[in-house]
Amino acid sequence: MGCKDFFTEHGGNKKKCKLLQEMTSAELAKWESESATDLSPGIVHNEEHLYQQIVDPTHINPDGTGLIPTAFDDCTSHGLSIHRVAHTSIDGIVDMGHARAKKFNIENPDRPPRRLWGVAPYVAGEVRNILSSVTNDRAFFIFDTSTEYDKSHAEICQGVKEAKSQRSVRFKLYDMVKGQLIPLEKIDTKEKAAT
């Protein structure tokens, strides 16, 4: 099975990253050089700027002061959704985040309401440079998982499966973005022009 076949079969699987962890780091790196979907505008390059939608209360401390460390847990299960700004815009990412929160709130009226808080910026190559302290293998892999409605969509999946390393590599991801968060009120035309 190749990359595209895997993501066609397991795209909606909430445990697809666990399945990917059964592969070697070399196999996963090879798959990153292949498109994961026929809808893809191309593979994710190291220099690409990526943004994760940060949602309150899912990703934010109850006091509103910043990220909770579990904000990155999706990379161990169904994939941490990110957006490739080269294939959308900051405005597009914000609009999609508002729409997602609104849809969740309509479909889940008995749960705490969600709202888009802001975004977390990444550079693909920096994410790919995070290594497991146990195996010295790459910790994360980024796949272009574009959809019909979102050409910018990609996912970060955790490749390490050693229990000693799993939490520590996610904490490295947390450290990478915790001081770089961009709340909605700080997203202005200057920020949009810089991306």
N, C-alpha and C. Protein backbone atom coordinates (compact mmCIF):
# COMPACT_ATOMS: atom_id res chain seq x y z
N MET A 1 0.85 -1.18 0.00
CA MET A 1 0.00 0.00 0.00
C MET A 1 0.90 1.24 0.00
N GLY A 2 0.56 2.20 -0.83
CA GLY A 2 1.30 3.45 -0.89
C GLY A 2 0.62 4.54 -0.08
N CYS A 3 1.23 5.70 -0.07
CA CYS A 3 0.72 6.84 0.70
C CYS A 3 -0.72 7.19 0.32
N LYS A 4 -0.97 7.37 -0.95
CA LYS A 4 -2.30 7.79 -1.40
C LYS A 4 -3.35 6.72 -1.06
N ASP A 5 -3.00 5.45 -1.27
CA ASP A 5 -3.93 4.37 -0.93
C ASP A 5 -4.24 4.36 0.57
N PHE A 6 -3.20 4.55 1.38
CA PHE A 6 -3.39 4.57 2.82
C PHE A 6 -4.36 5.68 3.23
N PHE A 7 -4.12 6.90 2.75
CA PHE A 7 -4.97 8.02 3.16
C PHE A 7 -6.36 7.94 2.54
N THR A 8 -6.50 7.30 1.39
CA THR A 8 -7.83 7.07 0.82
C THR A 8 -8.61 6.11 1.71
N GLU A 9 -7.95 5.06 2.17
CA GLU A 9 -8.61 4.05 3.00
C GLU A 9 -8.82 4.52 4.44
N HIS A 10 -7.84 5.25 4.99
CA HIS A 10 -7.86 5.56 6.42
C HIS A 10 -8.05 7.05 6.73
N GLY A 11 -8.36 7.88 5.73
CA GLY A 11 -8.47 9.32 5.94
C GLY A 11 -9.34 9.72 7.12
N GLY A 12 -10.46 9.06 7.31
CA GLY A 12 -11.37 9.39 8.41
C GLY A 12 -11.14 8.57 9.67
N ASN A 13 -10.15 7.69 9.65
CA ASN A 13 -9.86 6.81 10.78
C ASN A 13 -9.28 7.62 11.94
N LYS A 14 -9.93 7.57 13.08
CA LYS A 14 -9.48 8.33 14.24
C LYS A 14 -8.21 7.76 14.86
N LYS A 15 -7.72 6.65 14.34
CA LYS A 15 -6.48 6.06 14.85
C LYS A 15 -5.44 5.88 13.73
N LYS A 16 -5.56 6.68 12.67
CA LYS A 16 -4.66 6.48 11.53
C LYS A 16 -3.20 6.75 11.90
N CYS A 17 -2.94 7.68 12.83
CA CYS A 17 -1.55 7.95 13.22
C CYS A 17 -0.96 6.76 13.96
N LYS A 18 -1.78 6.04 14.71
CA LYS A 18 -1.31 4.80 15.37
C LYS A 18 -0.91 3.78 14.31
N LEU A 19 -1.67 3.71 13.22
CA LEU A 19 -1.31 2.79 12.13
C LEU A 19 0.01 3.23 11.48
N LEU A 20 0.19 4.53 11.31
CA LEU A 20 1.43 5.03 10.72
C LEU A 20 2.64 4.74 11.61
N GLN A 21 2.42 4.69 12.92
CA GLN A 21 3.52 4.40 13.85
C GLN A 21 4.07 2.99 13.70
N GLU A 22 3.35 2.14 13.00
CA GLU A 22 3.85 0.78 12.75
C GLU A 22 4.88 0.77 11.62
N MET A 23 5.01 1.87 10.93
CA MET A 23 5.97 1.98 9.83
C MET A 23 7.28 2.56 10.35
N THR A 24 8.34 2.39 9.58
CA THR A 24 9.63 2.96 9.96
C THR A 24 9.67 4.44 9.62
N SER A 25 10.59 5.14 10.25
CA SER A 25 10.79 6.55 9.97
C SER A 25 11.14 6.77 8.49
N ALA A 26 11.94 5.88 7.93
CA ALA A 26 12.32 6.00 6.51
C ALA A 26 11.11 5.83 5.60
N GLU A 27 10.23 4.89 5.93
CA GLU A 27 9.02 4.69 5.12
C GLU A 27 8.11 5.91 5.19
N LEU A 28 7.95 6.48 6.38
CA LEU A 28 7.10 7.65 6.54
C LEU A 28 7.68 8.86 5.80
N ALA A 29 9.00 9.02 5.87
CA ALA A 29 9.64 10.12 5.15
C ALA A 29 9.45 9.97 3.64
N LYS A 30 9.49 8.74 3.15
CA LYS A 30 9.25 8.50 1.72
C LYS A 30 7.82 8.90 1.36
N TRP A 31 6.87 8.55 2.21
CA TRP A 31 5.48 8.90 1.95
C TRP A 31 5.26 10.42 1.94
N GLU A 32 6.05 11.16 2.72
CA GLU A 32 5.93 12.62 2.70
C GLU A 32 6.28 13.18 1.33
N SER A 33 7.06 12.45 0.56
CA SER A 33 7.45 12.93 -0.78
C SER A 33 6.45 12.52 -1.85
N GLU A 34 5.32 11.96 -1.42
CA GLU A 34 4.24 11.57 -2.33
C GLU A 34 2.97 12.31 -1.92
N SER A 35 2.12 12.60 -2.87
CA SER A 35 0.83 13.21 -2.55
C SER A 35 -0.07 12.20 -1.86
N ALA A 36 -0.77 12.66 -0.83
CA ALA A 36 -1.66 11.78 -0.08
C ALA A 36 -3.07 11.75 -0.66
N THR A 37 -3.34 12.62 -1.62
CA THR A 37 -4.67 12.68 -2.20
C THR A 37 -4.59 13.22 -3.63
N ASP A 38 -5.52 12.81 -4.46
CA ASP A 38 -5.58 13.34 -5.83
C ASP A 38 -5.93 14.83 -5.85
N LEU A 39 -6.45 15.34 -4.75
CA LEU A 39 -6.86 16.74 -4.68
C LEU A 39 -5.71 17.66 -4.25
N SER A 40 -4.57 17.07 -3.98
CA SER A 40 -3.44 17.82 -3.43
C SER A 40 -2.84 18.82 -4.41
N PRO A 41 -2.48 20.01 -3.90
CA PRO A 41 -1.71 20.95 -4.73
C PRO A 41 -0.23 20.60 -4.76
N GLY A 42 0.17 19.54 -4.05
CA GLY A 42 1.56 19.10 -4.01
C GLY A 42 1.99 18.79 -2.59
N ILE A 43 3.16 18.19 -2.47
CA ILE A 43 3.66 17.81 -1.15
C ILE A 43 3.98 19.06 -0.33
N VAL A 44 4.08 18.87 0.98
CA VAL A 44 4.41 19.97 1.89
C VAL A 44 5.93 20.11 1.92
N HIS A 45 6.42 21.28 1.53
CA HIS A 45 7.86 21.54 1.49
C HIS A 45 8.34 22.11 2.83
N ASN A 46 9.62 21.89 3.14
CA ASN A 46 10.18 22.31 4.43
C ASN A 46 10.01 23.79 4.72
N GLU A 47 10.06 24.64 3.70
CA GLU A 47 10.00 26.09 3.93
C GLU A 47 8.56 26.61 4.08
N GLU A 48 7.58 25.74 3.95
CA GLU A 48 6.18 26.19 4.02
C GLU A 48 5.77 26.63 5.41
N HIS A 49 4.96 27.70 5.45
CA HIS A 49 4.37 28.20 6.68
C HIS A 49 3.01 27.54 6.85
N LEU A 50 2.80 26.98 8.04
CA LEU A 50 1.60 26.23 8.36
C LEU A 50 0.94 26.84 9.59
N TYR A 51 -0.38 26.74 9.68
CA TYR A 51 -1.09 27.30 10.82
C TYR A 51 -2.10 26.29 11.35
N GLN A 52 -2.09 26.13 12.66
CA GLN A 52 -3.09 25.31 13.36
C GLN A 52 -4.14 26.26 13.93
N GLN A 53 -5.40 25.95 13.72
CA GLN A 53 -6.47 26.73 14.34
C GLN A 53 -6.49 26.38 15.83
N ILE A 54 -6.43 27.41 16.67
CA ILE A 54 -6.47 27.20 18.12
C ILE A 54 -7.88 27.55 18.59
N VAL A 55 -8.51 26.57 19.24
CA VAL A 55 -9.91 26.68 19.62
C VAL A 55 -10.03 26.74 21.14
N ASP A 56 -10.86 27.65 21.61
CA ASP A 56 -11.17 27.77 23.03
C ASP A 56 -12.53 27.09 23.25
N PRO A 57 -12.70 26.16 24.17
CA PRO A 57 -11.80 25.77 25.25
C PRO A 57 -10.91 24.56 24.95
N THR A 58 -10.99 23.98 23.77
CA THR A 58 -10.27 22.73 23.46
C THR A 58 -8.77 22.84 23.66
N HIS A 59 -8.17 23.94 23.21
CA HIS A 59 -6.71 24.08 23.23
C HIS A 59 -6.19 25.09 24.25
N ILE A 60 -7.07 25.85 24.87
CA ILE A 60 -6.67 26.99 25.69
C ILE A 60 -6.88 26.72 27.18
N ASN A 61 -5.94 27.18 28.02
CA ASN A 61 -6.07 27.09 29.46
C ASN A 61 -7.38 27.75 29.90
N PRO A 62 -8.01 27.23 30.96
CA PRO A 62 -9.27 27.81 31.42
C PRO A 62 -9.18 29.30 31.73
N ASP A 63 -7.99 29.78 32.14
CA ASP A 63 -7.86 31.21 32.44
C ASP A 63 -7.57 32.04 31.19
N GLY A 64 -7.53 31.37 30.02
CA GLY A 64 -7.34 32.07 28.75
C GLY A 64 -5.93 32.53 28.46
N THR A 65 -4.96 32.06 29.25
CA THR A 65 -3.59 32.58 29.13
C THR A 65 -2.74 31.88 28.08
N GLY A 66 -3.16 30.81 27.53
CA GLY A 66 -2.32 30.15 26.52
C GLY A 66 -2.70 28.71 26.32
N LEU A 67 -1.86 28.02 25.58
CA LEU A 67 -2.12 26.63 25.22
C LEU A 67 -2.04 25.67 26.39
N ILE A 68 -2.85 24.63 26.33
CA ILE A 68 -2.68 23.51 27.23
C ILE A 68 -1.79 22.50 26.50
N PRO A 69 -0.95 21.76 27.21
CA PRO A 69 -0.03 20.82 26.55
C PRO A 69 -0.73 19.77 25.69
N THR A 70 -1.99 19.45 26.00
CA THR A 70 -2.70 18.44 25.22
C THR A 70 -3.24 18.99 23.89
N ALA A 71 -2.93 20.25 23.56
CA ALA A 71 -3.38 20.85 22.31
C ALA A 71 -2.84 20.13 21.08
N PHE A 72 -1.85 19.26 21.29
CA PHE A 72 -1.20 18.58 20.17
C PHE A 72 -1.49 17.08 20.15
N ASP A 73 -2.38 16.62 21.02
CA ASP A 73 -2.64 15.18 21.11
C ASP A 73 -3.21 14.58 19.83
N ASP A 74 -3.87 15.38 18.99
CA ASP A 74 -4.43 14.84 17.75
C ASP A 74 -3.36 14.22 16.85
N CYS A 75 -2.11 14.65 17.00
CA CYS A 75 -1.06 14.10 16.14
C CYS A 75 -0.77 12.64 16.46
N THR A 76 -1.31 12.12 17.56
CA THR A 76 -1.13 10.71 17.90
C THR A 76 -2.30 9.85 17.46
N SER A 77 -3.40 10.48 17.06
CA SER A 77 -4.59 9.71 16.72
C SER A 77 -5.00 9.93 15.27
N HIS A 78 -5.79 10.95 14.99
CA HIS A 78 -6.30 11.15 13.63
C HIS A 78 -5.54 12.20 12.84
N GLY A 79 -4.52 12.80 13.43
CA GLY A 79 -3.71 13.79 12.73
C GLY A 79 -4.05 15.20 13.19
N LEU A 80 -3.03 16.00 13.42
CA LEU A 80 -3.19 17.38 13.83
C LEU A 80 -3.42 18.22 12.59
N SER A 81 -4.62 18.76 12.46
CA SER A 81 -4.98 19.54 11.28
C SER A 81 -4.24 20.87 11.25
N ILE A 82 -3.64 21.15 10.11
CA ILE A 82 -2.96 22.41 9.88
C ILE A 82 -3.34 22.90 8.49
N HIS A 83 -3.04 24.17 8.24
CA HIS A 83 -3.36 24.77 6.94
C HIS A 83 -2.10 25.36 6.33
N ARG A 84 -1.94 25.14 5.06
CA ARG A 84 -0.80 25.64 4.29
C ARG A 84 -1.16 27.01 3.74
N VAL A 85 -0.54 28.05 4.29
CA VAL A 85 -0.92 29.41 3.91
C VAL A 85 -0.64 29.67 2.43
N ALA A 86 0.26 28.92 1.82
CA ALA A 86 0.53 29.09 0.39
C ALA A 86 -0.67 28.71 -0.47
N HIS A 87 -1.61 27.97 0.11
CA HIS A 87 -2.78 27.50 -0.66
C HIS A 87 -4.09 28.06 -0.12
N THR A 88 -3.98 29.09 0.73
CA THR A 88 -5.15 29.81 1.23
C THR A 88 -4.64 31.18 1.67
N SER A 89 -5.19 31.73 2.71
CA SER A 89 -4.74 32.99 3.29
C SER A 89 -5.02 32.94 4.77
N ILE A 90 -4.45 33.88 5.51
CA ILE A 90 -4.78 33.96 6.94
C ILE A 90 -6.28 34.18 7.10
N ASP A 91 -6.85 35.05 6.27
CA ASP A 91 -8.31 35.27 6.33
C ASP A 91 -9.07 33.97 6.10
N GLY A 92 -8.62 33.18 5.12
CA GLY A 92 -9.26 31.90 4.83
C GLY A 92 -9.19 30.95 6.00
N ILE A 93 -8.02 30.89 6.66
CA ILE A 93 -7.85 30.01 7.82
C ILE A 93 -8.77 30.46 8.96
N VAL A 94 -8.85 31.75 9.19
CA VAL A 94 -9.72 32.29 10.24
C VAL A 94 -11.19 32.00 9.91
N ASP A 95 -11.58 32.23 8.66
CA ASP A 95 -12.97 31.95 8.27
C ASP A 95 -13.33 30.48 8.46
N MET A 96 -12.39 29.57 8.07
CA MET A 96 -12.65 28.14 8.26
C MET A 96 -12.77 27.80 9.74
N GLY A 97 -11.95 28.44 10.58
CA GLY A 97 -12.01 28.19 12.03
C GLY A 97 -13.32 28.64 12.63
N HIS A 98 -13.78 29.80 12.22
CA HIS A 98 -15.09 30.28 12.71
C HIS A 98 -16.20 29.33 12.27
N ALA A 99 -16.15 28.89 11.02
CA ALA A 99 -17.18 27.98 10.50
C ALA A 99 -17.17 26.64 11.24
N ARG A 100 -15.96 26.12 11.52
CA ARG A 100 -15.86 24.85 12.27
C ARG A 100 -16.46 24.98 13.66
N ALA A 101 -16.13 26.07 14.35
CA ALA A 101 -16.66 26.28 15.70
C ALA A 101 -18.18 26.42 15.67
N LYS A 102 -18.69 27.17 14.70
CA LYS A 102 -20.15 27.36 14.58
C LYS A 102 -20.84 26.03 14.33
N LYS A 103 -20.28 25.23 13.41
CA LYS A 103 -20.86 23.90 13.11
C LYS A 103 -20.87 23.02 14.35
N PHE A 104 -19.75 22.99 15.09
CA PHE A 104 -19.68 22.19 16.31
C PHE A 104 -20.75 22.65 17.30
N ASN A 105 -20.89 23.94 17.50
CA ASN A 105 -21.85 24.47 18.47
C ASN A 105 -23.28 24.14 18.10
N ILE A 106 -23.60 24.16 16.81
CA ILE A 106 -24.95 23.79 16.35
C ILE A 106 -25.21 22.31 16.57
N GLU A 107 -24.21 21.47 16.25
CA GLU A 107 -24.37 20.02 16.35
C GLU A 107 -24.25 19.49 17.77
N ASN A 108 -23.70 20.29 18.68
CA ASN A 108 -23.47 19.84 20.06
C ASN A 108 -23.96 20.89 21.07
N PRO A 109 -25.27 21.15 21.08
CA PRO A 109 -25.78 22.22 21.94
C PRO A 109 -25.60 21.97 23.44
N ASP A 110 -25.39 20.71 23.84
CA ASP A 110 -25.24 20.39 25.27
C ASP A 110 -23.78 20.44 25.74
N ARG A 111 -22.86 20.71 24.82
CA ARG A 111 -21.44 20.78 25.19
C ARG A 111 -21.01 22.24 25.29
N PRO A 112 -19.91 22.48 26.01
CA PRO A 112 -19.44 23.88 26.09
C PRO A 112 -19.19 24.44 24.69
N PRO A 113 -19.64 25.65 24.43
CA PRO A 113 -19.45 26.21 23.09
C PRO A 113 -17.97 26.45 22.78
N ARG A 114 -17.64 26.32 21.52
CA ARG A 114 -16.28 26.55 21.05
C ARG A 114 -16.22 27.86 20.28
N ARG A 115 -15.01 28.46 20.29
CA ARG A 115 -14.78 29.64 19.48
C ARG A 115 -13.33 29.60 19.02
N LEU A 116 -13.09 30.17 17.86
CA LEU A 116 -11.72 30.26 17.38
C LEU A 116 -11.00 31.31 18.21
N TRP A 117 -9.89 30.91 18.83
CA TRP A 117 -9.10 31.81 19.66
C TRP A 117 -8.02 32.52 18.86
N GLY A 118 -7.44 31.78 17.89
CA GLY A 118 -6.35 32.32 17.08
C GLY A 118 -5.67 31.19 16.33
N VAL A 119 -4.38 31.37 16.04
CA VAL A 119 -3.64 30.35 15.30
C VAL A 119 -2.26 30.14 15.91
N ALA A 120 -1.72 28.96 15.67
CA ALA A 120 -0.34 28.63 16.05
C ALA A 120 0.45 28.45 14.76
N PRO A 121 1.54 29.21 14.59
CA PRO A 121 2.33 29.11 13.36
C PRO A 121 3.43 28.06 13.46
N TYR A 122 3.70 27.43 12.35
CA TYR A 122 4.79 26.45 12.24
C TYR A 122 5.51 26.69 10.92
N VAL A 123 6.74 26.24 10.86
CA VAL A 123 7.45 26.08 9.60
C VAL A 123 7.67 24.58 9.46
N ALA A 124 7.28 24.02 8.33
CA ALA A 124 7.28 22.56 8.16
C ALA A 124 8.63 21.93 8.51
N GLY A 125 9.71 22.51 8.03
CA GLY A 125 11.04 21.93 8.29
C GLY A 125 11.41 21.89 9.75
N GLU A 126 10.96 22.89 10.52
CA GLU A 126 11.24 22.90 11.95
C GLU A 126 10.49 21.78 12.67
N VAL A 127 9.26 21.52 12.25
CA VAL A 127 8.49 20.40 12.82
C VAL A 127 9.18 19.09 12.48
N ARG A 128 9.63 18.96 11.26
CA ARG A 128 10.30 17.73 10.82
C ARG A 128 11.66 17.53 11.49
N ASN A 129 12.26 18.57 12.03
CA ASN A 129 13.56 18.46 12.69
C ASN A 129 13.47 18.02 14.14
N ILE A 130 12.27 17.88 14.68
CA ILE A 130 12.12 17.40 16.06
C ILE A 130 12.42 15.90 16.07
N LEU A 131 13.34 15.51 16.97
CA LEU A 131 13.77 14.12 17.04
C LEU A 131 13.36 13.49 18.37
N SER A 132 13.19 12.17 18.34
CA SER A 132 12.95 11.41 19.55
C SER A 132 14.26 11.30 20.32
N SER A 133 14.22 11.59 21.61
CA SER A 133 15.43 11.46 22.42
C SER A 133 15.76 10.00 22.70
N VAL A 134 14.83 9.10 22.45
CA VAL A 134 15.05 7.67 22.69
C VAL A 134 15.69 7.00 21.48
N THR A 135 15.14 7.26 20.29
CA THR A 135 15.62 6.56 19.09
C THR A 135 16.42 7.46 18.15
N ASN A 136 16.35 8.77 18.38
CA ASN A 136 16.97 9.77 17.49
C ASN A 136 16.32 9.78 16.10
N ASP A 137 15.15 9.17 15.97
CA ASP A 137 14.39 9.21 14.72
C ASP A 137 13.53 10.47 14.71
N ARG A 138 13.09 10.85 13.53
CA ARG A 138 12.16 11.97 13.42
C ARG A 138 10.89 11.67 14.21
N ALA A 139 10.36 12.71 14.84
CA ALA A 139 9.17 12.53 15.67
C ALA A 139 7.88 12.74 14.89
N PHE A 140 7.90 13.68 13.90
CA PHE A 140 6.67 14.08 13.22
C PHE A 140 6.83 14.04 11.71
N PHE A 141 5.71 13.75 11.06
CA PHE A 141 5.65 13.69 9.60
C PHE A 141 4.44 14.51 9.15
N ILE A 142 4.59 15.19 8.04
CA ILE A 142 3.53 16.10 7.57
C ILE A 142 3.04 15.63 6.20
N PHE A 143 1.75 15.39 6.11
CA PHE A 143 1.15 14.88 4.89
C PHE A 143 0.14 15.88 4.33
N ASP A 144 0.14 16.02 3.01
CA ASP A 144 -0.80 16.92 2.32
C ASP A 144 -2.13 16.22 2.15
N THR A 145 -3.05 16.51 3.02
CA THR A 145 -4.35 15.82 3.04
C THR A 145 -5.47 16.76 2.59
N SER A 146 -5.26 17.39 1.46
CA SER A 146 -6.25 18.32 0.90
C SER A 146 -7.59 17.64 0.72
N THR A 147 -8.62 18.46 0.83
CA THR A 147 -9.98 17.97 0.59
C THR A 147 -10.60 18.80 -0.53
N GLU A 148 -11.74 18.37 -0.98
CA GLU A 148 -12.46 19.09 -2.02
C GLU A 148 -12.74 20.54 -1.60
N TYR A 149 -12.99 20.71 -0.30
CA TYR A 149 -13.37 22.03 0.21
C TYR A 149 -12.21 22.80 0.83
N ASP A 150 -11.06 22.14 1.00
CA ASP A 150 -9.92 22.81 1.64
C ASP A 150 -8.61 22.29 1.05
N LYS A 151 -8.16 22.97 0.02
CA LYS A 151 -6.90 22.59 -0.64
C LYS A 151 -5.69 22.82 0.26
N SER A 152 -5.85 23.64 1.30
CA SER A 152 -4.73 23.98 2.18
C SER A 152 -4.52 22.95 3.29
N HIS A 153 -5.42 21.99 3.42
CA HIS A 153 -5.37 21.08 4.57
C HIS A 153 -4.18 20.13 4.51
N ALA A 154 -3.53 19.98 5.65
CA ALA A 154 -2.45 19.01 5.82
C ALA A 154 -2.55 18.49 7.26
N GLU A 155 -1.78 17.45 7.56
CA GLU A 155 -1.83 16.88 8.91
C GLU A 155 -0.43 16.56 9.39
N ILE A 156 -0.21 16.84 10.67
CA ILE A 156 1.01 16.42 11.35
C ILE A 156 0.68 15.13 12.09
N CYS A 157 1.45 14.08 11.80
CA CYS A 157 1.26 12.80 12.49
C CYS A 157 2.54 12.45 13.24
N GLN A 158 2.36 11.99 14.46
CA GLN A 158 3.51 11.58 15.27
C GLN A 158 3.96 10.20 14.82
N GLY A 159 5.24 10.06 14.52
CA GLY A 159 5.77 8.79 14.05
C GLY A 159 6.37 7.92 15.14
N VAL A 160 6.80 8.52 16.25
CA VAL A 160 7.42 7.71 17.31
C VAL A 160 6.36 6.99 18.11
N LYS A 161 6.67 5.77 18.50
CA LYS A 161 5.69 5.00 19.26
C LYS A 161 6.20 4.59 20.64
N GLU A 162 7.48 4.84 20.94
CA GLU A 162 8.03 4.48 22.25
C GLU A 162 7.38 5.34 23.33
N ALA A 163 6.87 4.68 24.35
CA ALA A 163 6.14 5.39 25.41
C ALA A 163 6.98 6.51 26.04
N LYS A 164 8.27 6.28 26.22
CA LYS A 164 9.14 7.29 26.84
C LYS A 164 9.27 8.54 25.98
N SER A 165 9.05 8.40 24.70
CA SER A 165 9.29 9.50 23.78
C SER A 165 8.02 10.22 23.36
N GLN A 166 6.88 9.57 23.41
CA GLN A 166 5.65 10.14 22.85
C GLN A 166 5.29 11.49 23.44
N ARG A 167 5.24 11.58 24.74
CA ARG A 167 4.85 12.84 25.37
C ARG A 167 5.94 13.89 25.21
N SER A 168 7.21 13.49 25.31
CA SER A 168 8.30 14.47 25.24
C SER A 168 8.38 15.13 23.87
N VAL A 169 8.10 14.40 22.79
CA VAL A 169 8.16 15.03 21.47
C VAL A 169 7.00 16.00 21.28
N ARG A 170 5.84 15.68 21.83
CA ARG A 170 4.72 16.62 21.75
C ARG A 170 5.02 17.87 22.57
N PHE A 171 5.74 17.70 23.69
CA PHE A 171 6.11 18.87 24.47
C PHE A 171 7.10 19.75 23.69
N LYS A 172 7.95 19.14 22.86
CA LYS A 172 8.85 19.92 22.01
C LYS A 172 8.03 20.73 20.99
N LEU A 173 6.96 20.15 20.48
CA LEU A 173 6.07 20.87 19.57
C LEU A 173 5.40 22.03 20.31
N TYR A 174 4.96 21.76 21.53
CA TYR A 174 4.37 22.80 22.39
C TYR A 174 5.37 23.94 22.60
N ASP A 175 6.61 23.60 22.96
CA ASP A 175 7.64 24.62 23.18
C ASP A 175 7.89 25.45 21.92
N MET A 176 7.80 24.80 20.76
CA MET A 176 8.05 25.49 19.50
C MET A 176 7.07 26.64 19.26
N VAL A 177 5.81 26.44 19.65
CA VAL A 177 4.78 27.44 19.30
C VAL A 177 4.24 28.25 20.47
N LYS A 178 4.52 27.86 21.70
CA LYS A 178 3.84 28.51 22.83
C LYS A 178 4.05 30.02 22.88
N GLY A 179 5.21 30.51 22.51
CA GLY A 179 5.44 31.94 22.52
C GLY A 179 5.12 32.61 21.20
N GLN A 180 4.66 31.83 20.23
CA GLN A 180 4.39 32.35 18.89
C GLN A 180 2.90 32.44 18.56
N LEU A 181 2.05 32.09 19.50
CA LEU A 181 0.61 32.08 19.24
C LEU A 181 0.12 33.45 18.78
N ILE A 182 -0.80 33.43 17.85
CA ILE A 182 -1.37 34.68 17.35
C ILE A 182 -2.86 34.69 17.67
N PRO A 183 -3.26 35.45 18.72
CA PRO A 183 -4.70 35.54 19.02
C PRO A 183 -5.41 36.31 17.93
N LEU A 184 -6.71 36.08 17.80
CA LEU A 184 -7.49 36.73 16.74
C LEU A 184 -7.30 38.25 16.71
N GLU A 185 -7.27 38.85 17.87
CA GLU A 185 -7.17 40.32 17.89
C GLU A 185 -5.83 40.83 17.38
N LYS A 186 -4.83 39.95 17.27
CA LYS A 186 -3.52 40.36 16.75
C LYS A 186 -3.35 40.06 15.27
N ILE A 187 -4.32 39.38 14.69
CA ILE A 187 -4.25 39.08 13.26
C ILE A 187 -4.75 40.32 12.53
N ASP A 188 -3.80 41.03 11.93
CA ASP A 188 -4.15 42.24 11.21
C ASP A 188 -3.53 42.20 9.81
N THR A 189 -3.67 43.27 9.08
CA THR A 189 -3.19 43.27 7.70
C THR A 189 -1.69 43.14 7.63
N LYS A 190 -0.95 43.64 8.61
CA LYS A 190 0.50 43.50 8.61
C LYS A 190 0.88 42.02 8.74
N GLU A 191 0.20 41.29 9.64
CA GLU A 191 0.46 39.87 9.84
C GLU A 191 0.12 39.10 8.56
N LYS A 192 -0.99 39.47 7.94
CA LYS A 192 -1.41 38.79 6.71
C LYS A 192 -0.41 39.03 5.59
N ALA A 193 0.11 40.22 5.51
CA ALA A 193 1.06 40.54 4.46
C ALA A 193 2.40 39.85 4.67
N ALA A 194 2.74 39.52 5.91
CA ALA A 194 4.03 38.92 6.21
C ALA A 194 4.08 37.44 5.87
N THR A 195 2.95 36.84 5.63
CA THR A 195 2.93 35.39 5.38
C THR A 195 2.96 35.07 3.90
